[in-house]
Amino acid sequence: MQDILAKRLLKCREKTGLSRFKVAVQCGITERAYINYEMADQEPLIGILARMAEFYNVSIDYLVGLTDDPTPYPQRPE
């Protein structure tokens, strides 16, 4: 999963044209942590993974390789 996650994070970030630092700030993590996820040196906690999926507007399933469809799931009414 770690390699797929790393590749998909890189792909999403390149699509946005943002730096690792800017993505990290938007997701509430350090740049070093984001680099570790994108380089497959570390796996994020589920809460961080959810924030990254929300930021990139993709599903967690897409980020971790359970599907090739990046479409996020509809939000449940609160």
PDB file of N, CA and C in Angstrom:
ATOM      1  N   MET A   1       0.819  -1.196   0.000  1.00  0.00           N
ATOM      2  CA  MET A   1       0.000   0.000   0.000  1.00  0.00           C
ATOM      3  C   MET A   1       0.867   1.266   0.000  1.00  0.00           C
ATOM      4  N   GLN A   2       1.982   1.217   0.709  1.00  0.00           N
ATOM      5  CA  GLN A   2       2.818   2.400   0.864  1.00  0.00           C
ATOM      6  C   GLN A   2       3.309   2.938  -0.474  1.00  0.00           C
ATOM      7  N   ASP A   3       3.711   2.039  -1.388  1.00  0.00           N
ATOM      8  CA  ASP A   3       4.206   2.483  -2.688  1.00  0.00           C
ATOM      9  C   ASP A   3       3.093   3.101  -3.526  1.00  0.00           C
ATOM     10  N   ILE A   4       1.925   2.485  -3.494  1.00  0.00           N
ATOM     11  CA  ILE A   4       0.787   3.030  -4.249  1.00  0.00           C
ATOM     12  C   ILE A   4       0.401   4.393  -3.686  1.00  0.00           C
ATOM     13  N   LEU A   5       0.325   4.486  -2.368  1.00  0.00           N
ATOM     14  CA  LEU A   5      -0.006   5.759  -1.729  1.00  0.00           C
ATOM     15  C   LEU A   5       0.994   6.835  -2.139  1.00  0.00           C
ATOM     16  N   ALA A   6       2.271   6.516  -2.094  1.00  0.00           N
ATOM     17  CA  ALA A   6       3.311   7.490  -2.455  1.00  0.00           C
ATOM     18  C   ALA A   6       3.133   7.965  -3.891  1.00  0.00           C
ATOM     19  N   LYS A   7       2.911   7.023  -4.806  1.00  0.00           N
ATOM     20  CA  LYS A   7       2.741   7.390  -6.222  1.00  0.00           C
ATOM     21  C   LYS A   7       1.496   8.246  -6.435  1.00  0.00           C
ATOM     22  N   ARG A   8       0.419   7.907  -5.741  1.00  0.00           N
ATOM     23  CA  ARG A   8      -0.818   8.654  -5.930  1.00  0.00           C
ATOM     24  C   ARG A   8      -0.730  10.041  -5.296  1.00  0.00           C
ATOM     25  N   LEU A   9      -0.054  10.148  -4.169  1.00  0.00           N
ATOM     26  CA  LEU A   9       0.139  11.477  -3.573  1.00  0.00           C
ATOM     27  C   LEU A   9       0.948  12.365  -4.518  1.00  0.00           C
ATOM     28  N   LEU A  10       2.004  11.813  -5.093  1.00  0.00           N
ATOM     29  CA  LEU A  10       2.820  12.572  -6.038  1.00  0.00           C
ATOM     30  C   LEU A  10       1.982  12.998  -7.238  1.00  0.00           C
ATOM     31  N   LYS A  11       1.207  12.066  -7.778  1.00  0.00           N
ATOM     32  CA  LYS A  11       0.366  12.363  -8.936  1.00  0.00           C
ATOM     33  C   LYS A  11      -0.636  13.479  -8.610  1.00  0.00           C
ATOM     34  N   CYS A  12      -1.276  13.382  -7.462  1.00  0.00           N
ATOM     35  CA  CYS A  12      -2.251  14.411  -7.062  1.00  0.00           C
ATOM     36  C   CYS A  12      -1.572  15.765  -6.880  1.00  0.00           C
ATOM     37  N   ARG A  13      -0.409  15.753  -6.236  1.00  0.00           N
ATOM     38  CA  ARG A  13       0.291  17.017  -5.992  1.00  0.00           C
ATOM     39  C   ARG A  13       0.739  17.647  -7.297  1.00  0.00           C
ATOM     40  N   GLU A  14       1.262  16.852  -8.209  1.00  0.00           N
ATOM     41  CA  GLU A  14       1.690  17.386  -9.505  1.00  0.00           C
ATOM     42  C   GLU A  14       0.504  17.954 -10.278  1.00  0.00           C
ATOM     43  N   LYS A  15      -0.645  17.320 -10.142  1.00  0.00           N
ATOM     44  CA  LYS A  15      -1.853  17.800 -10.818  1.00  0.00           C
ATOM     45  C   LYS A  15      -2.262  19.181 -10.299  1.00  0.00           C
ATOM     46  N   THR A  16      -2.060  19.427  -9.004  1.00  0.00           N
ATOM     47  CA  THR A  16      -2.412  20.728  -8.435  1.00  0.00           C
ATOM     48  C   THR A  16      -1.355  21.779  -8.722  1.00  0.00           C
ATOM     49  N   GLY A  17      -0.124  21.332  -8.979  1.00  0.00           N
ATOM     50  CA  GLY A  17       0.964  22.268  -9.224  1.00  0.00           C
ATOM     51  C   GLY A  17       1.502  22.912  -7.959  1.00  0.00           C
ATOM     52  N   LEU A  18       1.161  22.344  -6.807  1.00  0.00           N
ATOM     53  CA  LEU A  18       1.602  22.917  -5.536  1.00  0.00           C
ATOM     54  C   LEU A  18       2.886  22.253  -5.047  1.00  0.00           C
ATOM     55  N   SER A  19       3.616  22.973  -4.222  1.00  0.00           N
ATOM     56  CA  SER A  19       4.819  22.421  -3.610  1.00  0.00           C
ATOM     57  C   SER A  19       4.426  21.495  -2.466  1.00  0.00           C
ATOM     58  N   ARG A  20       5.361  20.670  -2.052  1.00  0.00           N
ATOM     59  CA  ARG A  20       5.122  19.798  -0.899  1.00  0.00           C
ATOM     60  C   ARG A  20       4.800  20.630   0.335  1.00  0.00           C
ATOM     61  N   PHE A  21       5.511  21.738   0.489  1.00  0.00           N
ATOM     62  CA  PHE A  21       5.286  22.601   1.644  1.00  0.00           C
ATOM     63  C   PHE A  21       3.856  23.117   1.679  1.00  0.00           C
ATOM     64  N   LYS A  22       3.348  23.594   0.537  1.00  0.00           N
ATOM     65  CA  LYS A  22       1.992  24.149   0.507  1.00  0.00           C
ATOM     66  C   LYS A  22       0.941  23.083   0.782  1.00  0.00           C
ATOM     67  N   VAL A  23       1.142  21.884   0.251  1.00  0.00           N
ATOM     68  CA  VAL A  23       0.203  20.795   0.526  1.00  0.00           C
ATOM     69  C   VAL A  23       0.243  20.445   2.015  1.00  0.00           C
ATOM     70  N   ALA A  24       1.438  20.351   2.566  1.00  0.00           N
ATOM     71  CA  ALA A  24       1.579  20.021   3.982  1.00  0.00           C
ATOM     72  C   ALA A  24       0.857  21.036   4.861  1.00  0.00           C
ATOM     73  N   VAL A  25       1.032  22.312   4.577  1.00  0.00           N
ATOM     74  CA  VAL A  25       0.367  23.355   5.354  1.00  0.00           C
ATOM     75  C   VAL A  25      -1.148  23.205   5.262  1.00  0.00           C
ATOM     76  N   GLN A  26      -1.655  22.969   4.061  1.00  0.00           N
ATOM     77  CA  GLN A  26      -3.099  22.822   3.866  1.00  0.00           C
ATOM     78  C   GLN A  26      -3.653  21.592   4.585  1.00  0.00           C
ATOM     79  N   CYS A  27      -2.831  20.573   4.747  1.00  0.00           N
ATOM     80  CA  CYS A  27      -3.270  19.336   5.402  1.00  0.00           C
ATOM     81  C   CYS A  27      -2.943  19.308   6.891  1.00  0.00           C
ATOM     82  N   GLY A  28      -2.299  20.367   7.381  1.00  0.00           N
ATOM     83  CA  GLY A  28      -2.007  20.471   8.811  1.00  0.00           C
ATOM     84  C   GLY A  28      -0.901  19.549   9.292  1.00  0.00           C
ATOM     85  N   ILE A  29       0.078  19.295   8.430  1.00  0.00           N
ATOM     86  CA  ILE A  29       1.215  18.455   8.809  1.00  0.00           C
ATOM     87  C   ILE A  29       2.504  19.178   8.442  1.00  0.00           C
ATOM     88  N   THR A  30       3.625  18.618   8.864  1.00  0.00           N
ATOM     89  CA  THR A  30       4.903  19.232   8.511  1.00  0.00           C
ATOM     90  C   THR A  30       5.292  18.832   7.092  1.00  0.00           C
ATOM     91  N   GLU A  31       6.128  19.644   6.509  1.00  0.00           N
ATOM     92  CA  GLU A  31       6.633  19.313   5.172  1.00  0.00           C
ATOM     93  C   GLU A  31       7.404  17.999   5.217  1.00  0.00           C
ATOM     94  N   ARG A  32       8.183  17.786   6.266  1.00  0.00           N
ATOM     95  CA  ARG A  32       8.961  16.545   6.398  1.00  0.00           C
ATOM     96  C   ARG A  32       8.039  15.328   6.418  1.00  0.00           C
ATOM     97  N   ALA A  33       6.926  15.432   7.146  1.00  0.00           N
ATOM     98  CA  ALA A  33       5.975  14.316   7.198  1.00  0.00           C
ATOM     99  C   ALA A  33       5.418  14.041   5.807  1.00  0.00           C
ATOM    100  N   TYR A  34       5.024  15.099   5.099  1.00  0.00           N
ATOM    101  CA  TYR A  34       4.476  14.904   3.755  1.00  0.00           C
ATOM    102  C   TYR A  34       5.512  14.270   2.833  1.00  0.00           C
ATOM    103  N   ILE A  35       6.738  14.726   2.921  1.00  0.00           N
ATOM    104  CA  ILE A  35       7.810  14.152   2.100  1.00  0.00           C
ATOM    105  C   ILE A  35       7.950  12.658   2.410  1.00  0.00           C
ATOM    106  N   ASN A  36       7.890  12.298   3.684  1.00  0.00           N
ATOM    107  CA  ASN A  36       7.991  10.889   4.068  1.00  0.00           C
ATOM    108  C   ASN A  36       6.864  10.059   3.459  1.00  0.00           C
ATOM    109  N   TYR A  37       5.657  10.608   3.401  1.00  0.00           N
ATOM    110  CA  TYR A  37       4.533   9.883   2.799  1.00  0.00           C
ATOM    111  C   TYR A  37       4.724   9.751   1.287  1.00  0.00           C
ATOM    112  N   GLU A  38       5.167  10.815   0.666  1.00  0.00           N
ATOM    113  CA  GLU A  38       5.330  10.811  -0.788  1.00  0.00           C
ATOM    114  C   GLU A  38       6.533   9.971  -1.232  1.00  0.00           C
ATOM    115  N   MET A  39       7.478   9.792  -0.359  1.00  0.00           N
ATOM    116  CA  MET A  39       8.662   8.980  -0.675  1.00  0.00           C
ATOM    117  C   MET A  39       8.505   7.534  -0.185  1.00  0.00           C
ATOM    118  N   ALA A  40       7.345   7.202   0.369  1.00  0.00           N
ATOM    119  CA  ALA A  40       7.033   5.858   0.884  1.00  0.00           C
ATOM    120  C   ALA A  40       7.944   5.453   2.041  1.00  0.00           C
ATOM    121  N   ASP A  41       8.401   6.436   2.811  1.00  0.00           N
ATOM    122  CA  ASP A  41       9.218   6.152   3.993  1.00  0.00           C
ATOM    123  C   ASP A  41       8.356   5.943   5.231  1.00  0.00           C
ATOM    124  N   GLN A  42       7.105   6.378   5.162  1.00  0.00           N
ATOM    125  CA  GLN A  42       6.212   6.333   6.315  1.00  0.00           C
ATOM    126  C   GLN A  42       4.773   6.326   5.816  1.00  0.00           C
ATOM    127  N   GLU A  43       3.853   5.759   6.613  1.00  0.00           N
ATOM    128  CA  GLU A  43       2.434   5.790   6.278  1.00  0.00           C
ATOM    129  C   GLU A  43       1.719   6.758   7.216  1.00  0.00           C
ATOM    130  N   PRO A  44       0.781   7.540   6.680  1.00  0.00           N
ATOM    131  CA  PRO A  44       0.064   8.499   7.533  1.00  0.00           C
ATOM    132  C   PRO A  44      -0.988   7.810   8.388  1.00  0.00           C
ATOM    133  N   LEU A  45      -1.312   8.435   9.501  1.00  0.00           N
ATOM    134  CA  LEU A  45      -2.448   8.003  10.311  1.00  0.00           C
ATOM    135  C   LEU A  45      -3.726   8.247   9.521  1.00  0.00           C
ATOM    136  N   ILE A  46      -4.792   7.552   9.857  1.00  0.00           N
ATOM    137  CA  ILE A  46      -6.032   7.638   9.093  1.00  0.00           C
ATOM    138  C   ILE A  46      -6.586   9.064   9.043  1.00  0.00           C
ATOM    139  N   GLY A  47      -6.469   9.814  10.121  1.00  0.00           N
ATOM    140  CA  GLY A  47      -6.960  11.194  10.125  1.00  0.00           C
ATOM    141  C   GLY A  47      -6.217  12.066   9.129  1.00  0.00           C
ATOM    142  N   ILE A  48      -4.924  11.878   9.037  1.00  0.00           N
ATOM    143  CA  ILE A  48      -4.109  12.638   8.077  1.00  0.00           C
ATOM    144  C   ILE A  48      -4.442  12.188   6.660  1.00  0.00           C
ATOM    145  N   LEU A  49      -4.604  10.895   6.478  1.00  0.00           N
ATOM    146  CA  LEU A  49      -4.975  10.362   5.169  1.00  0.00           C
ATOM    147  C   LEU A  49      -6.310  10.947   4.713  1.00  0.00           C
ATOM    148  N   ALA A  50      -7.249  11.050   5.636  1.00  0.00           N
ATOM    149  CA  ALA A  50      -8.561  11.634   5.316  1.00  0.00           C
ATOM    150  C   ALA A  50      -8.422  13.103   4.920  1.00  0.00           C
ATOM    151  N   ARG A  51      -7.584  13.853   5.624  1.00  0.00           N
ATOM    152  CA  ARG A  51      -7.381  15.270   5.279  1.00  0.00           C
ATOM    153  C   ARG A  51      -6.751  15.416   3.901  1.00  0.00           C
ATOM    154  N   MET A  52      -5.790  14.542   3.580  1.00  0.00           N
ATOM    155  CA  MET A  52      -5.153  14.611   2.265  1.00  0.00           C
ATOM    156  C   MET A  52      -6.151  14.249   1.166  1.00  0.00           C
ATOM    157  N   ALA A  53      -6.962  13.232   1.398  1.00  0.00           N
ATOM    158  CA  ALA A  53      -7.977  12.851   0.413  1.00  0.00           C
ATOM    159  C   ALA A  53      -8.964  14.001   0.202  1.00  0.00           C
ATOM    160  N   GLU A  54      -9.377  14.638   1.282  1.00  0.00           N
ATOM    161  CA  GLU A  54     -10.296  15.768   1.166  1.00  0.00           C
ATOM    162  C   GLU A  54      -9.632  16.932   0.426  1.00  0.00           C
ATOM    163  N   PHE A  55      -8.383  17.215   0.754  1.00  0.00           N
ATOM    164  CA  PHE A  55      -7.667  18.303   0.097  1.00  0.00           C
ATOM    165  C   PHE A  55      -7.559  18.066  -1.411  1.00  0.00           C
ATOM    166  N   TYR A  56      -7.213  16.838  -1.792  1.00  0.00           N
ATOM    167  CA  TYR A  56      -7.062  16.512  -3.211  1.00  0.00           C
ATOM    168  C   TYR A  56      -8.391  16.193  -3.893  1.00  0.00           C
ATOM    169  N   ASN A  57      -9.464  16.147  -3.114  1.00  0.00           N
ATOM    170  CA  ASN A  57     -10.801  15.841  -3.629  1.00  0.00           C
ATOM    171  C   ASN A  57     -10.840  14.459  -4.297  1.00  0.00           C
ATOM    172  N   VAL A  58     -10.287  13.482  -3.592  1.00  0.00           N
ATOM    173  CA  VAL A  58     -10.292  12.089  -4.032  1.00  0.00           C
ATOM    174  C   VAL A  58     -10.725  11.222  -2.847  1.00  0.00           C
ATOM    175  N   SER A  59     -10.995   9.959  -3.106  1.00  0.00           N
ATOM    176  CA  SER A  59     -11.351   9.050  -2.018  1.00  0.00           C
ATOM    177  C   SER A  59     -10.089   8.461  -1.389  1.00  0.00           C
ATOM    178  N   ILE A  60     -10.208   8.062  -0.137  1.00  0.00           N
ATOM    179  CA  ILE A  60      -9.109   7.365   0.525  1.00  0.00           C
ATOM    180  C   ILE A  60      -8.819   6.063  -0.222  1.00  0.00           C
ATOM    181  N   ASP A  61      -9.879   5.399  -0.674  1.00  0.00           N
ATOM    182  CA  ASP A  61      -9.693   4.150  -1.428  1.00  0.00           C
ATOM    183  C   ASP A  61      -8.791   4.360  -2.642  1.00  0.00           C
ATOM    184  N   TYR A  62      -8.944   5.495  -3.306  1.00  0.00           N
ATOM    185  CA  TYR A  62      -8.082   5.802  -4.453  1.00  0.00           C
ATOM    186  C   TYR A  62      -6.636   5.983  -3.995  1.00  0.00           C
ATOM    187  N   LEU A  63      -6.427   6.750  -2.942  1.00  0.00           N
ATOM    188  CA  LEU A  63      -5.063   7.010  -2.482  1.00  0.00           C
ATOM    189  C   LEU A  63      -4.326   5.735  -2.098  1.00  0.00           C
ATOM    190  N   VAL A  64      -5.037   4.788  -1.489  1.00  0.00           N
ATOM    191  CA  VAL A  64      -4.358   3.567  -1.034  1.00  0.00           C
ATOM    192  C   VAL A  64      -4.406   2.431  -2.050  1.00  0.00           C
ATOM    193  N   GLY A  65      -5.019   2.666  -3.210  1.00  0.00           N
ATOM    194  CA  GLY A  65      -4.978   1.694  -4.291  1.00  0.00           C
ATOM    195  C   GLY A  65      -6.097   0.670  -4.301  1.00  0.00           C
ATOM    196  N   LEU A  66      -7.160   0.892  -3.534  1.00  0.00           N
ATOM    197  CA  LEU A  66      -8.286  -0.048  -3.557  1.00  0.00           C
ATOM    198  C   LEU A  66      -9.170   0.153  -4.781  1.00  0.00           C
ATOM    199  N   THR A  67      -9.051   1.312  -5.416  1.00  0.00           N
ATOM    200  CA  THR A  67      -9.777   1.602  -6.643  1.00  0.00           C
ATOM    201  C   THR A  67      -8.922   2.520  -7.507  1.00  0.00           C
ATOM    202  N   ASP A  68      -9.177   2.499  -8.788  1.00  0.00           N
ATOM    203  CA  ASP A  68      -8.487   3.417  -9.690  1.00  0.00           C
ATOM    204  C   ASP A  68      -9.346   4.632  -9.999  1.00  0.00           C
ATOM    205  N   ASP A  69     -10.543   4.676  -9.428  1.00  0.00           N
ATOM    206  CA  ASP A  69     -11.456   5.802  -9.615  1.00  0.00           C
ATOM    207  C   ASP A  69     -11.225   6.819  -8.492  1.00  0.00           C
ATOM    208  N   PRO A  70     -10.718   8.002  -8.814  1.00  0.00           N
ATOM    209  CA  PRO A  70     -10.430   8.984  -7.774  1.00  0.00           C
ATOM    210  C   PRO A  70     -11.653   9.722  -7.224  1.00  0.00           C
ATOM    211  N   THR A  71     -12.826   9.499  -7.796  1.00  0.00           N
ATOM    212  CA  THR A  71     -14.024  10.225  -7.386  1.00  0.00           C
ATOM    213  C   THR A  71     -14.278  10.048  -5.888  1.00  0.00           C
ATOM    214  N   PRO A  72     -14.376  11.148  -5.154  1.00  0.00           N
ATOM    215  CA  PRO A  72     -14.647  11.028  -3.714  1.00  0.00           C
ATOM    216  C   PRO A  72     -16.081  10.588  -3.470  1.00  0.00           C
ATOM    217  N   TYR A  73     -16.295   9.993  -2.317  1.00  0.00           N
ATOM    218  CA  TYR A  73     -17.642   9.576  -1.943  1.00  0.00           C
ATOM    219  C   TYR A  73     -18.469  10.800  -1.577  1.00  0.00           C
ATOM    220  N   PRO A  74     -19.776  10.757  -1.802  1.00  0.00           N
ATOM    221  CA  PRO A  74     -20.630  11.879  -1.414  1.00  0.00           C
ATOM    222  C   PRO A  74     -20.594  12.076   0.103  1.00  0.00           C
ATOM    223  N   GLN A  75     -20.669  13.318   0.514  1.00  0.00           N
ATOM    224  CA  GLN A  75     -20.696  13.640   1.928  1.00  0.00           C
ATOM    225  C   GLN A  75     -22.047  13.302   2.523  1.00  0.00           C
ATOM    226  N   ARG A  76     -22.041  12.747   3.718  1.00  0.00           N
ATOM    227  CA  ARG A  76     -23.285  12.469   4.429  1.00  0.00           C
ATOM    228  C   ARG A  76     -23.793  13.762   5.060  1.00  0.00           C
ATOM    229  N   PRO A  77     -25.096  13.949   5.070  1.00  0.00           N
ATOM    230  CA  PRO A  77     -25.619  15.137   5.755  1.00  0.00           C
ATOM    231  C   PRO A  77     -25.345  15.041   7.245  1.00  0.00           C
ATOM    232  N   GLU A  78     -25.052  16.154   7.847  1.00  0.00           N
ATOM    233  CA  GLU A  78     -24.725  16.159   9.285  1.00  0.00           C
ATOM    234  C   GLU A  78     -25.946  16.305  10.128  1.00  0.00           C
TER     235      GLU A  78
END
